[in-house]
């Protein structure tokens, strides 16, 4: 049962990554169709951030009411509707329709992110192996495949609307089939739990929000910001800071993704052998060293090596924080939801803040703020140590 369940969640992670990068690959054409300036496009993309954060918040309600499987199935309808609306917006060239579409899609994506991560933590507990980094690697692989398909469709002359409709149908079909192999009710609040919660005092209801949970949320926020900043700014930083060509900047960004995927694929067995804390501290050190070398601007060759270290180091923090948040059965949904909300909020809101700093200090110098985030995350690495689950 756990094997089919694991493969189903693996496919869901990959599909979500594929769907996200599919529409990202067509944003230049979408911007041109909408006749939107950079500032206007930023406002339109705000719809995705707003929807994602709302979905992250609502996911806790859906999971507790019906379980993670129901939340994922529900999110599939939102993402499907969002993509179809986005295809319509691209066809009629309406900025308002595109904004609404991204809001709807973001709400589904945010909801699915919490639910699939919760399912992953439960599988980890049952099989007694670390799998969250591998699941997040699957998401990264999905983004690479989605971007590649996007490039292929552009070369073939497939319109944005047709591309998005194809992805919408594929996404919906895969999620509906995959969830058939996911047990119902994971994370659902039982009648006994509801009765116990009703009898709890106000102080008891705050027990889940302890120092460890807050520390994991801060760590997840910082390291998701480190990852999100790289995804948004590495190509531009290579062009502006190192004077490389646009094509080479894309290749260097691919090196970062290779570091992310490599770190997540090989980390599971290492974590089970040497423990979370040691591996995370090594990863944080790699990320800090890599980013520092990028900022110092020694040479392009050193930069490429440093970018790989940055990617490998940034690969473990967020999934490991989620794993640690799910250690305890009691309040696991709330804890995983908080850490996921903190992480995805940082990955969505952090990079624009970095852009604001870059306007004043330059992009490479703005990366110092990211380096500070890595150091802050390093302070809280001890909180990922495994603790015994409680009933």
Protein backbone atom coordinates (compact mmCIF):
# COMPACT_ATOMS: atom_id res chain seq x y z
CA UNK A 1 0.00 0.00 0.00
CA UNK A 2 2.74 2.46 1.01
CA UNK A 3 4.62 1.80 -2.26
CA UNK A 4 1.67 2.75 -4.49
CA UNK A 5 0.91 5.68 -2.21
CA UNK A 6 4.51 6.89 -2.43
CA UNK A 7 4.60 6.65 -6.23
CA UNK A 8 1.28 8.48 -6.46
CA UNK A 9 2.58 11.39 -4.36
CA UNK A 10 5.83 11.35 -6.37
CA UNK A 11 3.81 11.74 -9.57
CA UNK A 12 1.72 14.53 -8.03
CA UNK A 13 4.87 16.48 -7.05
CA UNK A 14 6.29 16.05 -10.55
CA UNK A 15 3.03 17.08 -12.21
CA UNK A 16 2.74 20.22 -10.08
CA UNK A 17 6.27 21.26 -11.02
CA UNK A 18 5.52 20.56 -14.68
CA UNK A 19 2.33 22.63 -14.65
CA UNK A 20 3.97 25.58 -12.89
CA UNK A 21 6.88 25.92 -15.31
CA UNK A 22 4.62 25.29 -18.32
CA UNK A 23 2.89 28.64 -18.03
CA UNK A 24 6.07 30.37 -16.82
CA UNK A 25 7.71 29.37 -20.12
CA UNK A 26 5.07 31.37 -22.03
CA UNK A 27 5.13 34.55 -19.90
CA UNK A 28 7.10 36.61 -22.46
CA UNK A 29 4.44 35.92 -25.12
CA UNK A 30 1.68 36.48 -22.59
CA UNK A 31 3.19 39.83 -21.63
CA UNK A 32 3.36 40.88 -25.29
CA UNK A 33 -0.23 39.78 -25.92
CA UNK A 34 -1.42 41.82 -22.93
CA UNK A 35 0.71 44.85 -23.94
CA UNK A 36 1.80 44.98 -20.32
CA UNK A 37 4.78 46.89 -18.98
CA UNK A 38 7.11 45.31 -16.43
CA UNK A 39 5.26 47.09 -13.64
CA UNK A 40 1.85 46.00 -14.90
CA UNK A 41 3.08 42.44 -15.29
CA UNK A 42 4.25 42.54 -11.67
CA UNK A 43 0.74 43.51 -10.57
CA UNK A 44 -0.79 40.75 -12.69
CA UNK A 45 1.60 38.17 -11.21
CA UNK A 46 0.55 39.36 -7.77
CA UNK A 47 -2.66 37.44 -8.41
CA UNK A 48 -0.67 34.20 -8.28
CA UNK A 49 0.93 35.16 -4.96
CA UNK A 50 -2.39 36.18 -3.42
CA UNK A 51 -4.13 33.02 -4.58
CA UNK A 52 -1.26 30.80 -3.41
CA UNK A 53 -1.23 32.27 0.07
CA UNK A 54 -5.02 31.92 0.35
CA UNK A 55 -4.75 28.31 -0.81
CA UNK A 56 -2.06 27.60 1.78
CA UNK A 57 -4.31 28.95 4.52
CA UNK A 58 -7.46 27.16 3.34
CA UNK A 59 -5.65 23.85 2.92
CA UNK A 60 -5.58 23.39 6.67
CA UNK A 61 -9.38 23.60 6.73
CA UNK A 62 -9.83 21.12 3.85
CA UNK A 63 -7.32 18.61 5.22
CA UNK A 64 -8.77 18.64 8.73
CA UNK A 65 -12.31 18.31 7.38
CA UNK A 66 -11.80 15.60 4.74
CA UNK A 67 -8.12 14.62 4.59
CA UNK A 68 -5.18 15.26 2.26
CA UNK A 69 -6.58 13.22 -0.63
CA UNK A 70 -9.72 15.35 -0.76
CA UNK A 71 -7.64 18.54 -0.62
CA UNK A 72 -5.51 17.40 -3.57
CA UNK A 73 -8.59 16.44 -5.61
CA UNK A 74 -10.19 19.80 -4.82
CA UNK A 75 -7.00 21.63 -5.78
CA UNK A 76 -7.04 19.85 -9.15
CA UNK A 77 -10.35 21.55 -9.99
CA UNK A 78 -8.97 24.96 -9.04
CA UNK A 79 -5.77 24.49 -11.07
CA UNK A 80 -7.73 23.12 -14.04
CA UNK A 81 -10.13 26.07 -13.92
CA UNK A 82 -7.26 28.49 -13.49
CA UNK A 83 -5.45 27.20 -16.56
CA UNK A 84 -8.58 27.29 -18.71
CA UNK A 85 -9.25 30.85 -17.56
CA UNK A 86 -5.62 31.74 -18.26
CA UNK A 87 -5.93 30.31 -21.77
CA UNK A 88 -9.05 32.45 -22.27
CA UNK A 89 -7.25 35.52 -20.94
CA UNK A 90 -4.38 34.95 -23.37
CA UNK A 91 -6.82 34.54 -26.26
CA UNK A 92 -8.82 37.72 -25.55
CA UNK A 93 -5.74 39.62 -24.28
CA UNK A 94 -7.43 40.68 -21.03
CA UNK A 95 -5.23 41.68 -18.10
CA UNK A 96 -8.11 41.30 -15.63
CA UNK A 97 -8.95 37.79 -16.83
CA UNK A 98 -5.29 36.75 -16.56
CA UNK A 99 -5.07 38.19 -13.03
CA UNK A 100 -8.18 36.23 -11.97
CA UNK A 101 -6.85 33.10 -13.68
CA UNK A 102 -3.55 33.26 -11.82
CA UNK A 103 -5.41 33.82 -8.56
CA UNK A 104 -7.53 30.69 -9.12
CA UNK A 105 -4.56 28.60 -10.21
CA UNK A 106 -2.47 29.87 -7.29
CA UNK A 107 -5.19 28.95 -4.82
CA UNK A 108 -5.23 25.38 -6.12
CA UNK A 109 -1.45 25.15 -6.21
CA UNK A 110 -1.14 26.42 -2.63
CA UNK A 111 -3.73 23.96 -1.39
CA UNK A 112 -2.06 21.06 -3.19
CA UNK A 113 1.38 22.01 -1.85
CA UNK A 114 0.33 21.64 1.78
CA UNK A 115 -1.67 18.45 1.20
CA UNK A 116 1.01 16.63 -0.80
CA UNK A 117 3.71 17.60 1.71
CA UNK A 118 1.53 16.32 4.54
CA UNK A 119 1.06 13.03 2.69
CA UNK A 120 4.83 12.86 2.25
CA UNK A 121 5.50 13.29 5.98
CA UNK A 122 3.00 10.55 6.79
CA UNK A 123 4.66 8.15 4.32
CA UNK A 124 8.03 8.97 5.90
CA UNK A 125 6.69 8.02 9.30
CA UNK A 126 5.21 4.74 8.10
CA UNK A 127 8.17 3.48 6.06
CA UNK A 128 10.78 4.92 8.46
CA UNK A 129 12.79 6.49 5.60
CA UNK A 130 13.45 10.09 4.56
CA UNK A 131 11.64 10.83 1.28
CA UNK A 132 10.69 14.54 1.36
CA UNK A 133 13.91 15.65 -0.39
CA UNK A 134 13.27 13.10 -3.16
CA UNK A 135 9.68 14.34 -3.54
CA UNK A 136 10.90 17.92 -3.86
CA UNK A 137 13.51 16.73 -6.36
CA UNK A 138 10.61 15.32 -8.39
CA UNK A 139 9.02 18.78 -8.33
CA UNK A 140 12.27 20.31 -9.61
CA UNK A 141 12.53 17.67 -12.34
CA UNK A 142 8.95 18.47 -13.30
CA UNK A 143 9.83 22.14 -13.69
CA UNK A 144 12.70 21.26 -16.00
CA UNK A 145 10.49 19.02 -18.14
CA UNK A 146 7.73 21.65 -18.22
CA UNK A 147 10.16 24.34 -19.32
CA UNK A 148 11.56 22.02 -21.98
CA UNK A 149 8.11 21.23 -23.34
CA UNK A 150 7.37 24.95 -23.33
CA UNK A 151 10.44 25.64 -25.48
CA UNK A 152 9.40 22.80 -27.83
CA UNK A 153 5.87 24.18 -28.19
CA UNK A 154 7.25 27.64 -28.91
CA UNK A 155 9.51 26.19 -31.63
CA UNK A 156 6.54 24.31 -33.11
CA UNK A 157 4.42 27.45 -33.14
CA UNK A 158 1.78 26.14 -30.70
CA UNK A 159 -0.23 29.07 -29.33
CA UNK A 160 -0.21 29.98 -25.65
CA UNK A 161 -3.91 29.14 -25.30
CA UNK A 162 -3.62 25.69 -26.89
CA UNK A 163 -0.54 24.92 -24.79
CA UNK A 164 -2.33 25.87 -21.56
CA UNK A 165 -5.44 23.85 -22.42
CA UNK A 166 -3.29 20.78 -23.08
CA UNK A 167 -1.47 21.21 -19.76
CA UNK A 168 -4.77 21.80 -17.93
CA UNK A 169 -6.27 18.55 -19.20
CA UNK A 170 -3.07 16.61 -18.51
CA UNK A 171 -2.76 18.04 -14.99
CA UNK A 172 -6.38 17.28 -14.11
CA UNK A 173 -6.25 13.72 -15.48
CA UNK A 174 -2.99 12.82 -13.72
CA UNK A 175 -4.11 14.21 -10.35
CA UNK A 176 -7.47 12.44 -10.53
CA UNK A 177 -5.85 9.09 -11.38
CA UNK A 178 -3.01 9.46 -8.87
CA UNK A 179 -5.28 10.26 -5.93
CA UNK A 180 -6.98 6.87 -6.37
CA UNK A 181 -3.85 5.37 -4.82
CA UNK A 182 -3.75 7.84 -1.91
CA UNK A 183 -5.48 6.65 1.29
CA UNK A 184 -8.51 8.71 2.25
CA UNK A 185 -8.56 10.68 5.47
CA UNK A 186 -4.84 11.34 6.08
CA UNK A 187 -4.73 14.37 8.37
CA UNK A 188 -8.51 14.33 8.87
CA UNK A 189 -9.72 15.35 12.29
CA UNK A 190 -11.65 12.47 13.84
CA UNK A 191 -14.77 12.80 15.98
CA UNK A 192 -12.67 12.08 19.05
CA UNK A 193 -10.22 14.78 18.02
CA UNK A 194 -13.05 17.26 17.54
CA UNK A 195 -14.45 16.44 20.97
CA UNK A 196 -11.02 16.76 22.55
CA UNK A 197 -10.43 20.06 20.77
CA UNK A 198 -13.77 21.37 21.99
CA UNK A 199 -12.81 20.52 25.56
CA UNK A 200 -9.35 22.02 25.33
CA UNK A 201 -8.64 25.28 27.04
CA UNK A 202 -7.36 28.25 25.07
CA UNK A 203 -3.87 27.53 26.41
CA UNK A 204 -4.04 23.89 25.26
CA UNK A 205 -5.03 24.94 21.76
CA UNK A 206 -1.84 26.96 21.48
CA UNK A 207 0.41 24.01 22.35
CA UNK A 208 1.13 23.26 18.69
CA UNK A 209 2.64 26.72 18.24
CA UNK A 210 5.68 25.98 20.38
CA UNK A 211 9.25 27.21 20.06
CA UNK A 212 10.26 24.32 17.81
CA UNK A 213 7.39 24.94 15.39
CA UNK A 214 8.21 28.66 15.18
CA UNK A 215 11.90 27.86 14.69
CA UNK A 216 11.10 25.44 11.85
CA UNK A 217 8.85 28.07 10.24
CA UNK A 218 11.62 30.69 10.40
CA UNK A 219 14.15 28.23 8.98
CA UNK A 220 11.77 27.16 6.21
CA UNK A 221 11.03 30.81 5.40
CA UNK A 222 14.73 31.71 5.13
CA UNK A 223 15.78 28.73 3.03
CA UNK A 224 12.76 28.93 0.73
CA UNK A 225 13.71 32.58 0.18
CA UNK A 226 17.24 31.45 -0.70
CA UNK A 227 15.83 29.01 -3.27
CA UNK A 228 13.24 31.43 -4.65
CA UNK A 229 15.77 34.24 -5.06
CA UNK A 230 17.99 31.96 -7.13
CA UNK A 231 15.11 30.86 -9.35
CA UNK A 232 14.13 34.45 -10.10
CA UNK A 233 17.44 36.28 -10.24
CA UNK A 234 20.37 34.03 -11.22
CA UNK A 235 20.03 34.54 -15.01
CA UNK A 236 19.83 38.32 -14.66
CA UNK A 237 22.63 38.38 -12.08
CA UNK A 238 24.88 36.48 -14.48
CA UNK A 239 24.17 38.93 -17.30
CA UNK A 240 24.48 42.11 -15.22
CA UNK A 241 27.16 40.99 -12.77
CA UNK A 242 29.36 38.74 -14.92
CA UNK A 243 28.65 40.12 -18.42
CA UNK A 244 27.78 36.71 -19.86
CA UNK A 245 25.41 36.13 -22.77
CA UNK A 246 21.72 35.42 -22.27
CA UNK A 247 22.15 31.83 -23.42
CA UNK A 248 25.07 31.22 -21.04
CA UNK A 249 23.10 32.75 -18.17
CA UNK A 250 20.37 30.19 -18.83
CA UNK A 251 22.95 27.40 -18.81
CA UNK A 252 24.33 28.64 -15.48
CA UNK A 253 20.80 28.69 -14.07
CA UNK A 254 20.54 25.07 -15.22
CA UNK A 255 23.65 24.35 -13.12
CA UNK A 256 21.77 25.67 -10.08
CA UNK A 257 18.82 23.38 -10.83
CA UNK A 258 21.23 20.46 -11.28
CA UNK A 259 22.63 21.21 -7.83
CA UNK A 260 19.12 21.31 -6.36
CA UNK A 261 18.08 18.03 -7.94
CA UNK A 262 21.36 16.29 -7.07
CA UNK A 263 21.19 17.37 -3.45
CA UNK A 264 17.63 16.17 -3.06
CA UNK A 265 18.16 12.84 -4.81
CA UNK A 266 21.21 11.76 -2.79
CA UNK A 267 20.25 13.22 0.57
CA UNK A 268 17.63 10.69 1.71
CA UNK A 269 20.02 7.84 2.52
CA UNK A 270 22.62 10.24 3.93
CA UNK A 271 20.04 11.77 6.27
CA UNK A 272 18.96 8.33 7.50
CA UNK A 273 22.63 7.43 8.10
CA UNK A 274 24.06 10.62 9.59
CA UNK A 275 20.96 12.43 10.83
CA UNK A 276 19.08 15.52 9.77
CA UNK A 277 21.02 18.06 11.80
CA UNK A 278 24.49 17.20 10.46
CA UNK A 279 23.33 17.02 6.83
CA UNK A 280 21.40 20.28 7.10
CA UNK A 281 24.35 22.10 8.64
CA UNK A 282 26.61 20.86 5.83
CA UNK A 283 23.99 21.97 3.29
CA UNK A 284 23.69 25.43 4.86
CA UNK A 285 27.48 25.75 4.80
CA UNK A 286 27.55 24.79 1.09
CA UNK A 287 24.86 27.37 0.29
CA UNK A 288 26.66 30.11 2.24
CA UNK A 289 30.06 29.37 0.65
CA UNK A 290 28.56 29.14 -2.83
CA UNK A 291 26.65 32.41 -2.52
CA UNK A 292 29.64 34.21 -1.02
CA UNK A 293 31.80 33.16 -3.98
CA UNK A 294 29.13 34.42 -6.38
CA UNK A 295 29.04 37.80 -4.63
CA UNK A 296 32.85 38.10 -4.63
CA UNK A 297 32.85 37.85 -8.46
CA UNK A 298 36.19 36.03 -8.77
CA UNK A 299 35.64 34.52 -12.22
CA UNK A 300 32.92 32.91 -14.32
CA UNK A 301 34.41 29.43 -13.75
CA UNK A 302 34.42 29.90 -9.97
CA UNK A 303 30.90 31.31 -10.23
CA UNK A 304 29.61 28.19 -12.02
CA UNK A 305 31.07 25.94 -9.31
CA UNK A 306 29.65 28.25 -6.65
CA UNK A 307 26.20 28.20 -8.25
CA UNK A 308 26.19 24.40 -8.05
CA UNK A 309 27.14 24.57 -4.35
CA UNK A 310 24.38 27.14 -3.79
CA UNK A 311 21.84 24.83 -5.40
CA UNK A 312 22.98 21.71 -3.56
CA UNK A 313 23.03 23.61 -0.26
CA UNK A 314 19.61 25.17 -0.76
CA UNK A 315 18.02 21.86 -1.72
CA UNK A 316 17.48 20.37 1.73
CA UNK A 317 16.30 23.14 4.05
CA UNK A 318 12.65 23.51 3.08
CA UNK A 319 11.78 19.79 2.68
CA UNK A 320 13.67 18.94 5.87
CA UNK A 321 11.78 21.62 7.82
CA UNK A 322 8.51 20.10 6.60
CA UNK A 323 9.67 16.60 7.60
CA UNK A 324 10.52 17.84 11.08
CA UNK A 325 7.18 19.62 11.41
CA UNK A 326 5.39 16.33 10.70
CA UNK A 327 7.29 14.35 13.34
CA UNK A 328 4.39 14.39 15.77
CA UNK A 329 0.95 13.05 14.85
CA UNK A 330 -0.76 15.51 17.19
CA UNK A 331 -1.12 18.92 15.50
CA UNK A 332 0.90 17.65 12.49
CA UNK A 333 -1.50 19.28 10.02
CA UNK A 334 -1.20 22.67 11.72
CA UNK A 335 2.57 22.45 11.99
CA UNK A 336 3.13 21.33 8.41
CA UNK A 337 0.69 24.00 7.21
CA UNK A 338 2.54 26.75 9.08
CA UNK A 339 5.99 25.72 7.82
CA UNK A 340 4.70 25.31 4.26
CA UNK A 341 2.91 28.67 4.42
CA UNK A 342 6.07 30.38 5.68
CA UNK A 343 8.23 28.77 3.02
CA UNK A 344 6.01 29.36 0.02
CA UNK A 345 5.18 32.90 1.15
CA UNK A 346 8.90 33.67 1.29
CA UNK A 347 9.55 32.11 -2.12
CA UNK A 348 6.75 34.24 -3.60
CA UNK A 349 7.25 37.53 -1.75
CA UNK A 350 11.01 37.45 -1.09
CA UNK A 351 12.39 37.79 -4.64
CA UNK A 352 10.49 41.06 -5.37
CA UNK A 353 12.03 42.50 -2.19
CA UNK A 354 15.42 41.46 -3.52
CA UNK A 355 14.62 43.29 -6.76
CA UNK A 356 13.89 46.45 -4.80
CA UNK A 357 17.26 46.20 -3.04
CA UNK A 358 18.98 45.54 -6.38
CA UNK A 359 17.70 48.85 -7.72
CA UNK A 360 19.66 50.65 -5.01
CA UNK A 361 22.73 48.46 -4.47
CA UNK A 362 23.10 46.25 -7.54
CA UNK A 363 22.00 42.64 -7.85
CA UNK A 364 25.20 40.94 -6.66
CA UNK A 365 25.33 43.21 -3.61
CA UNK A 366 21.65 42.54 -2.96
CA UNK A 367 22.55 38.86 -2.65
CA UNK A 368 24.18 39.77 0.68
CA UNK A 369 20.62 39.91 2.05
CA UNK A 370 20.16 36.30 0.88
CA UNK A 371 23.44 35.36 2.57
CA UNK A 372 22.10 36.82 5.82
CA UNK A 373 18.99 34.65 5.43
CA UNK A 374 21.21 31.56 5.10
CA UNK A 375 23.04 32.50 8.30
CA UNK A 376 19.76 33.03 10.17
CA UNK A 377 18.55 29.61 9.00
CA UNK A 378 21.79 28.08 10.29
CA UNK A 379 20.94 29.22 13.81
CA UNK A 380 17.83 27.02 13.85
CA UNK A 381 19.20 23.84 12.25
CA UNK A 382 19.21 21.95 15.58
CA UNK A 383 15.41 22.00 15.57
CA UNK A 384 15.17 19.45 12.74
CA UNK A 385 16.38 16.65 15.02
CA UNK A 386 13.86 13.80 15.02
CA UNK A 387 11.53 13.51 17.98
CA UNK A 388 9.22 10.66 18.87
CA UNK A 389 5.70 10.94 17.49
CA UNK A 390 2.87 11.19 19.95
CA UNK A 391 -0.54 9.73 19.42
